[in-house]
Amino acid sequence: MTGRRGFLAGAAGLAVLGLAPPARAEGTMYGLIGKMTAHAGRRDELTAVLLEGLGRMPGCLSYVVAHDPEDADAIWVTEVWTDAASHQASLQTPEVRAAIQKGRPLIADFSDAVTTTPVGGVGLGAPAGHG
């Protein structure tokens, strides 16, 4: 998990902003959706950092990086974790810390960052209570 979510550090950029995720009930999935804007003309470079090392990340169920079709410099990241603790733990790994340093200079802005409580979906298993 070198750069890909390492730099983004899960929090769709929230980690780089220093914002802690809100408390979640134990056993619920934890989601993040965030928009970041690369410095002009550097979106592909930032995307490469986000997608680097898509290896195994304990607790990460989904991590999607998408380009905004209406903004040539914007990227949306959507993440789903087994729980908030798994996400938080990932932020402490040396790979994530190194990736944050690599990606941070490419970012002009973070916006529209939200946390969610996923309940199910393709690849995520059955909704809570529908086991």
N, C-alpha and C. Protein backbone atom coordinates (compact mmCIF):
# COMPACT_ATOMS: atom_id res chain seq x y z
N MET A 1 0.83 -1.17 0.00
CA MET A 1 0.00 0.00 0.00
C MET A 1 0.88 1.23 0.00
N THR A 2 1.79 1.26 -0.80
CA THR A 2 2.73 2.34 -0.86
C THR A 2 2.05 3.67 -1.07
N GLY A 3 1.87 4.12 -2.27
CA GLY A 3 1.38 5.45 -2.48
C GLY A 3 -0.10 5.57 -2.59
N ARG A 4 -0.73 4.69 -3.28
CA ARG A 4 -2.14 4.79 -3.65
C ARG A 4 -2.97 5.33 -2.52
N ARG A 5 -3.31 4.64 -1.58
CA ARG A 5 -4.13 5.17 -0.53
C ARG A 5 -3.23 5.66 0.57
N GLY A 6 -1.96 5.27 0.43
CA GLY A 6 -0.99 5.75 1.38
C GLY A 6 -1.00 7.25 1.44
N PHE A 7 -0.85 7.87 0.29
CA PHE A 7 -0.81 9.32 0.30
C PHE A 7 -2.14 9.88 0.77
N LEU A 8 -3.18 9.37 0.21
CA LEU A 8 -4.49 9.87 0.58
C LEU A 8 -4.77 9.51 2.01
N ALA A 9 -4.12 8.48 2.42
CA ALA A 9 -4.20 8.04 3.80
C ALA A 9 -5.62 7.77 4.19
N GLY A 10 -6.36 7.26 3.27
CA GLY A 10 -7.69 6.81 3.59
C GLY A 10 -8.70 7.89 3.71
N ALA A 11 -8.35 8.93 4.33
CA ALA A 11 -9.35 9.94 4.66
C ALA A 11 -9.64 10.85 3.50
N ALA A 12 -9.54 10.36 2.32
CA ALA A 12 -9.81 11.19 1.14
C ALA A 12 -9.18 12.55 1.33
N GLY A 13 -7.99 12.52 1.86
CA GLY A 13 -7.29 13.76 2.09
C GLY A 13 -7.47 14.31 3.49
N LEU A 14 -8.37 13.76 4.26
CA LEU A 14 -8.60 14.27 5.61
C LEU A 14 -7.38 14.08 6.48
N ALA A 15 -6.64 13.01 6.26
CA ALA A 15 -5.45 12.79 7.06
C ALA A 15 -4.43 13.89 6.83
N VAL A 16 -4.30 14.28 5.58
CA VAL A 16 -3.36 15.33 5.25
C VAL A 16 -3.82 16.65 5.89
N LEU A 17 -5.12 16.81 6.01
CA LEU A 17 -5.67 18.00 6.64
C LEU A 17 -5.59 17.93 8.16
N GLY A 18 -5.31 16.74 8.67
CA GLY A 18 -5.21 16.58 10.12
C GLY A 18 -6.54 16.42 10.81
N LEU A 19 -7.59 16.06 10.07
CA LEU A 19 -8.91 15.88 10.67
C LEU A 19 -9.10 14.43 11.08
N ALA A 20 -9.53 14.22 12.29
CA ALA A 20 -9.77 12.86 12.78
C ALA A 20 -11.17 12.42 12.39
N PRO A 21 -11.35 11.14 12.08
CA PRO A 21 -12.69 10.67 11.76
C PRO A 21 -13.58 10.69 12.99
N PRO A 22 -14.86 10.91 12.80
CA PRO A 22 -15.77 10.89 13.94
C PRO A 22 -15.92 9.48 14.48
N ALA A 23 -16.32 9.38 15.72
CA ALA A 23 -16.53 8.07 16.35
C ALA A 23 -17.64 7.33 15.62
N ARG A 24 -17.49 6.04 15.48
CA ARG A 24 -18.49 5.19 14.83
C ARG A 24 -18.81 4.05 15.78
N ALA A 25 -20.02 3.54 15.68
CA ALA A 25 -20.40 2.39 16.49
C ALA A 25 -19.53 1.21 16.09
N GLU A 26 -19.11 0.44 17.08
CA GLU A 26 -18.29 -0.74 16.82
C GLU A 26 -19.03 -1.70 15.89
N GLY A 27 -18.31 -2.26 14.94
CA GLY A 27 -18.90 -3.23 14.04
C GLY A 27 -19.54 -2.63 12.80
N THR A 28 -19.54 -1.32 12.64
CA THR A 28 -20.10 -0.72 11.44
C THR A 28 -18.98 -0.36 10.47
N MET A 29 -19.29 -0.47 9.19
CA MET A 29 -18.30 -0.09 8.20
C MET A 29 -18.09 1.42 8.26
N TYR A 30 -16.95 1.83 7.74
CA TYR A 30 -16.56 3.23 7.76
C TYR A 30 -16.23 3.65 6.34
N GLY A 31 -16.83 4.73 5.88
CA GLY A 31 -16.60 5.18 4.52
C GLY A 31 -16.12 6.62 4.45
N LEU A 32 -15.41 6.91 3.38
CA LEU A 32 -14.90 8.25 3.12
C LEU A 32 -15.10 8.57 1.65
N ILE A 33 -15.56 9.77 1.37
CA ILE A 33 -15.65 10.25 0.00
C ILE A 33 -15.08 11.65 0.01
N GLY A 34 -14.12 11.91 -0.85
CA GLY A 34 -13.52 13.22 -0.85
C GLY A 34 -13.03 13.65 -2.21
N LYS A 35 -12.99 14.94 -2.38
CA LYS A 35 -12.51 15.53 -3.62
C LYS A 35 -11.22 16.28 -3.33
N MET A 36 -10.24 16.06 -4.17
CA MET A 36 -9.01 16.84 -4.08
C MET A 36 -8.71 17.40 -5.46
N THR A 37 -8.08 18.53 -5.45
CA THR A 37 -7.71 19.18 -6.71
C THR A 37 -6.19 19.28 -6.77
N ALA A 38 -5.66 18.76 -7.84
CA ALA A 38 -4.21 18.82 -8.06
C ALA A 38 -3.85 20.22 -8.56
N HIS A 39 -2.59 20.56 -8.38
CA HIS A 39 -2.11 21.80 -9.00
C HIS A 39 -2.31 21.65 -10.52
N ALA A 40 -2.55 22.75 -11.18
CA ALA A 40 -2.86 22.76 -12.62
C ALA A 40 -1.92 21.84 -13.40
N GLY A 41 -2.54 20.94 -14.17
CA GLY A 41 -1.79 20.05 -15.03
C GLY A 41 -1.11 18.88 -14.35
N ARG A 42 -1.36 18.67 -13.04
CA ARG A 42 -0.65 17.61 -12.31
C ARG A 42 -1.58 16.49 -11.84
N ARG A 43 -2.82 16.47 -12.35
CA ARG A 43 -3.77 15.45 -11.91
C ARG A 43 -3.27 14.04 -12.19
N ASP A 44 -2.72 13.78 -13.36
CA ASP A 44 -2.26 12.43 -13.68
C ASP A 44 -1.14 11.99 -12.75
N GLU A 45 -0.27 12.91 -12.41
CA GLU A 45 0.83 12.61 -11.49
C GLU A 45 0.28 12.27 -10.10
N LEU A 46 -0.69 13.05 -9.63
CA LEU A 46 -1.31 12.78 -8.33
C LEU A 46 -2.08 11.46 -8.36
N THR A 47 -2.78 11.21 -9.45
CA THR A 47 -3.51 9.95 -9.60
C THR A 47 -2.55 8.77 -9.50
N ALA A 48 -1.40 8.87 -10.14
CA ALA A 48 -0.41 7.78 -10.09
C ALA A 48 0.03 7.52 -8.65
N VAL A 49 0.21 8.57 -7.87
CA VAL A 49 0.60 8.40 -6.46
C VAL A 49 -0.52 7.68 -5.71
N LEU A 50 -1.76 8.08 -5.96
CA LEU A 50 -2.90 7.46 -5.28
C LEU A 50 -3.07 5.99 -5.65
N LEU A 51 -2.70 5.63 -6.86
CA LEU A 51 -2.91 4.26 -7.33
C LEU A 51 -1.69 3.36 -7.17
N GLU A 52 -0.58 3.92 -6.73
CA GLU A 52 0.63 3.14 -6.52
C GLU A 52 0.40 2.08 -5.46
N GLY A 53 0.98 0.93 -5.63
CA GLY A 53 0.98 -0.10 -4.60
C GLY A 53 -0.40 -0.46 -4.09
N LEU A 54 -1.27 -0.87 -4.97
CA LEU A 54 -2.62 -1.24 -4.57
C LEU A 54 -2.65 -2.60 -3.89
N GLY A 55 -1.64 -2.91 -3.14
CA GLY A 55 -1.56 -4.19 -2.45
C GLY A 55 -2.55 -4.31 -1.30
N ARG A 56 -2.39 -5.33 -0.56
CA ARG A 56 -3.27 -5.66 0.55
C ARG A 56 -3.22 -4.58 1.64
N MET A 57 -4.39 -4.10 2.03
CA MET A 57 -4.51 -3.13 3.13
C MET A 57 -5.52 -3.70 4.11
N PRO A 58 -5.06 -4.17 5.26
CA PRO A 58 -5.98 -4.77 6.22
C PRO A 58 -7.14 -3.83 6.55
N GLY A 59 -8.35 -4.35 6.37
CA GLY A 59 -9.54 -3.59 6.70
C GLY A 59 -10.10 -2.76 5.57
N CYS A 60 -9.36 -2.60 4.48
CA CYS A 60 -9.86 -1.80 3.35
C CYS A 60 -10.67 -2.71 2.43
N LEU A 61 -11.95 -2.40 2.30
CA LEU A 61 -12.85 -3.20 1.47
C LEU A 61 -12.96 -2.65 0.05
N SER A 62 -12.77 -1.34 -0.09
CA SER A 62 -12.89 -0.71 -1.40
C SER A 62 -12.12 0.60 -1.40
N TYR A 63 -11.45 0.88 -2.51
CA TYR A 63 -10.72 2.13 -2.66
C TYR A 63 -10.77 2.48 -4.14
N VAL A 64 -11.49 3.55 -4.47
CA VAL A 64 -11.71 3.92 -5.87
C VAL A 64 -11.22 5.35 -6.09
N VAL A 65 -10.39 5.53 -7.09
CA VAL A 65 -9.90 6.85 -7.48
C VAL A 65 -10.55 7.16 -8.82
N ALA A 66 -11.19 8.34 -8.93
CA ALA A 66 -11.89 8.70 -10.16
C ALA A 66 -11.58 10.15 -10.55
N HIS A 67 -11.46 10.37 -11.84
CA HIS A 67 -11.27 11.73 -12.34
C HIS A 67 -12.63 12.40 -12.48
N ASP A 68 -12.67 13.68 -12.17
CA ASP A 68 -13.88 14.48 -12.33
C ASP A 68 -13.96 14.90 -13.79
N PRO A 69 -15.02 14.50 -14.51
CA PRO A 69 -15.09 14.83 -15.94
C PRO A 69 -15.30 16.31 -16.23
N GLU A 70 -15.66 17.08 -15.23
CA GLU A 70 -15.92 18.51 -15.45
C GLU A 70 -14.81 19.41 -14.92
N ASP A 71 -13.79 18.83 -14.32
CA ASP A 71 -12.69 19.61 -13.78
C ASP A 71 -11.40 18.86 -14.07
N ALA A 72 -10.60 19.39 -14.95
CA ALA A 72 -9.39 18.71 -15.43
C ALA A 72 -8.34 18.47 -14.36
N ASP A 73 -8.49 19.07 -13.18
CA ASP A 73 -7.51 18.88 -12.11
C ASP A 73 -8.08 18.15 -10.90
N ALA A 74 -9.36 17.80 -10.92
CA ALA A 74 -10.02 17.23 -9.74
C ALA A 74 -10.05 15.70 -9.75
N ILE A 75 -9.94 15.14 -8.55
CA ILE A 75 -9.97 13.69 -8.31
C ILE A 75 -10.93 13.43 -7.17
N TRP A 76 -11.75 12.40 -7.31
CA TRP A 76 -12.64 11.93 -6.23
C TRP A 76 -12.11 10.60 -5.74
N VAL A 77 -12.07 10.42 -4.43
CA VAL A 77 -11.64 9.15 -3.84
C VAL A 77 -12.76 8.65 -2.95
N THR A 78 -13.12 7.39 -3.14
CA THR A 78 -14.16 6.76 -2.34
C THR A 78 -13.55 5.53 -1.67
N GLU A 79 -13.68 5.45 -0.35
CA GLU A 79 -13.10 4.34 0.41
C GLU A 79 -14.15 3.70 1.30
N VAL A 80 -14.03 2.40 1.50
CA VAL A 80 -14.84 1.69 2.48
C VAL A 80 -13.91 0.80 3.30
N TRP A 81 -14.05 0.91 4.61
CA TRP A 81 -13.23 0.15 5.56
C TRP A 81 -14.13 -0.69 6.44
N THR A 82 -13.57 -1.77 6.97
CA THR A 82 -14.36 -2.61 7.87
C THR A 82 -14.82 -1.80 9.08
N ASP A 83 -13.99 -0.86 9.50
CA ASP A 83 -14.34 0.01 10.63
C ASP A 83 -13.36 1.19 10.67
N ALA A 84 -13.68 2.18 11.47
CA ALA A 84 -12.84 3.38 11.56
C ALA A 84 -11.46 3.05 12.12
N ALA A 85 -11.38 2.07 13.02
CA ALA A 85 -10.10 1.71 13.61
C ALA A 85 -9.12 1.19 12.56
N SER A 86 -9.61 0.43 11.58
CA SER A 86 -8.75 -0.07 10.50
C SER A 86 -8.20 1.09 9.68
N HIS A 87 -9.06 2.04 9.41
CA HIS A 87 -8.61 3.22 8.67
C HIS A 87 -7.55 3.97 9.47
N GLN A 88 -7.83 4.22 10.73
CA GLN A 88 -6.88 4.95 11.58
C GLN A 88 -5.54 4.22 11.66
N ALA A 89 -5.57 2.91 11.80
CA ALA A 89 -4.34 2.13 11.90
C ALA A 89 -3.51 2.27 10.62
N SER A 90 -4.17 2.35 9.48
CA SER A 90 -3.44 2.45 8.22
C SER A 90 -2.65 3.75 8.13
N LEU A 91 -3.10 4.77 8.82
CA LEU A 91 -2.43 6.07 8.76
C LEU A 91 -1.09 6.08 9.48
N GLN A 92 -0.83 5.04 10.26
CA GLN A 92 0.41 4.98 11.03
C GLN A 92 1.51 4.18 10.35
N THR A 93 1.22 3.57 9.21
CA THR A 93 2.24 2.75 8.57
C THR A 93 3.30 3.62 7.88
N PRO A 94 4.53 3.14 7.84
CA PRO A 94 5.59 3.91 7.18
C PRO A 94 5.29 4.18 5.71
N GLU A 95 4.65 3.22 5.04
CA GLU A 95 4.32 3.38 3.62
C GLU A 95 3.34 4.53 3.41
N VAL A 96 2.36 4.62 4.28
CA VAL A 96 1.37 5.69 4.16
C VAL A 96 2.01 7.03 4.44
N ARG A 97 2.80 7.09 5.47
CA ARG A 97 3.47 8.36 5.81
C ARG A 97 4.37 8.83 4.66
N ALA A 98 5.10 7.91 4.05
CA ALA A 98 5.98 8.26 2.93
C ALA A 98 5.15 8.73 1.73
N ALA A 99 4.04 8.07 1.48
CA ALA A 99 3.19 8.43 0.35
C ALA A 99 2.55 9.80 0.55
N ILE A 100 2.19 10.12 1.78
CA ILE A 100 1.63 11.44 2.06
C ILE A 100 2.66 12.51 1.68
N GLN A 101 3.90 12.28 2.07
CA GLN A 101 4.96 13.24 1.73
C GLN A 101 5.13 13.38 0.23
N LYS A 102 4.99 12.28 -0.48
CA LYS A 102 5.15 12.29 -1.94
C LYS A 102 3.98 13.01 -2.62
N GLY A 103 2.77 12.81 -2.14
CA GLY A 103 1.59 13.38 -2.79
C GLY A 103 1.24 14.79 -2.37
N ARG A 104 1.54 15.16 -1.17
CA ARG A 104 1.13 16.47 -0.63
C ARG A 104 1.51 17.65 -1.54
N PRO A 105 2.74 17.69 -2.08
CA PRO A 105 3.10 18.85 -2.93
C PRO A 105 2.28 18.96 -4.22
N LEU A 106 1.61 17.89 -4.60
CA LEU A 106 0.83 17.89 -5.85
C LEU A 106 -0.59 18.43 -5.64
N ILE A 107 -1.02 18.59 -4.40
CA ILE A 107 -2.40 18.95 -4.09
C ILE A 107 -2.55 20.45 -3.90
N ALA A 108 -3.50 21.01 -4.63
CA ALA A 108 -3.82 22.44 -4.50
C ALA A 108 -4.93 22.66 -3.47
N ASP A 109 -5.89 21.69 -3.37
CA ASP A 109 -7.04 21.90 -2.51
C ASP A 109 -7.73 20.58 -2.18
N PHE A 110 -8.37 20.55 -1.02
CA PHE A 110 -9.27 19.48 -0.62
C PHE A 110 -10.64 20.10 -0.45
N SER A 111 -11.67 19.38 -0.84
CA SER A 111 -13.03 19.89 -0.63
C SER A 111 -14.00 18.73 -0.63
N ASP A 112 -15.20 19.02 -0.21
CA ASP A 112 -16.29 18.03 -0.26
C ASP A 112 -15.94 16.70 0.40
N ALA A 113 -15.19 16.71 1.47
CA ALA A 113 -14.84 15.48 2.17
C ALA A 113 -15.93 15.14 3.18
N VAL A 114 -16.42 13.90 3.10
CA VAL A 114 -17.45 13.45 4.03
C VAL A 114 -17.15 12.03 4.49
N THR A 115 -17.61 11.70 5.68
CA THR A 115 -17.55 10.33 6.14
C THR A 115 -18.94 9.73 5.99
N THR A 116 -18.98 8.42 5.78
CA THR A 116 -20.25 7.73 5.60
C THR A 116 -20.24 6.44 6.43
N THR A 117 -21.40 5.83 6.54
CA THR A 117 -21.53 4.52 7.16
C THR A 117 -22.11 3.58 6.11
N PRO A 118 -21.24 2.93 5.32
CA PRO A 118 -21.73 2.01 4.29
C PRO A 118 -22.51 0.86 4.93
N VAL A 119 -23.55 0.42 4.23
CA VAL A 119 -24.36 -0.69 4.74
C VAL A 119 -24.33 -1.90 3.83
N GLY A 120 -23.70 -1.80 2.67
CA GLY A 120 -23.59 -2.93 1.76
C GLY A 120 -23.41 -2.44 0.34
N GLY A 121 -23.21 -3.37 -0.56
CA GLY A 121 -23.04 -3.03 -1.97
C GLY A 121 -22.18 -4.07 -2.65
N VAL A 122 -21.98 -3.91 -3.92
CA VAL A 122 -21.18 -4.87 -4.69
C VAL A 122 -19.80 -4.96 -4.07
N GLY A 123 -19.41 -6.16 -3.70
CA GLY A 123 -18.11 -6.39 -3.12
C GLY A 123 -18.03 -6.15 -1.61
N LEU A 124 -19.08 -5.61 -1.02
CA LEU A 124 -19.04 -5.29 0.40
C LEU A 124 -19.81 -6.28 1.27
N GLY A 125 -20.52 -7.20 0.69
CA GLY A 125 -21.29 -8.16 1.47
C GLY A 125 -22.70 -7.66 1.72
N ALA A 126 -23.40 -8.41 2.53
CA ALA A 126 -24.81 -8.10 2.81
C ALA A 126 -24.93 -6.90 3.72
N PRO A 127 -26.03 -6.15 3.60
CA PRO A 127 -26.27 -5.04 4.51
C PRO A 127 -26.34 -5.52 5.94
N ALA A 128 -25.98 -4.65 6.88
CA ALA A 128 -26.03 -4.98 8.29
C ALA A 128 -27.43 -5.51 8.64
N GLY A 129 -27.45 -6.59 9.41
CA GLY A 129 -28.73 -7.15 9.84
C GLY A 129 -29.38 -8.06 8.82
N HIS A 130 -28.72 -8.24 7.65
CA HIS A 130 -29.29 -9.09 6.60
C HIS A 130 -28.37 -10.26 6.27
N GLY A 131 -27.42 -10.57 7.21
CA GLY A 131 -26.39 -11.56 7.07
C GLY A 131 -26.71 -12.73 6.32
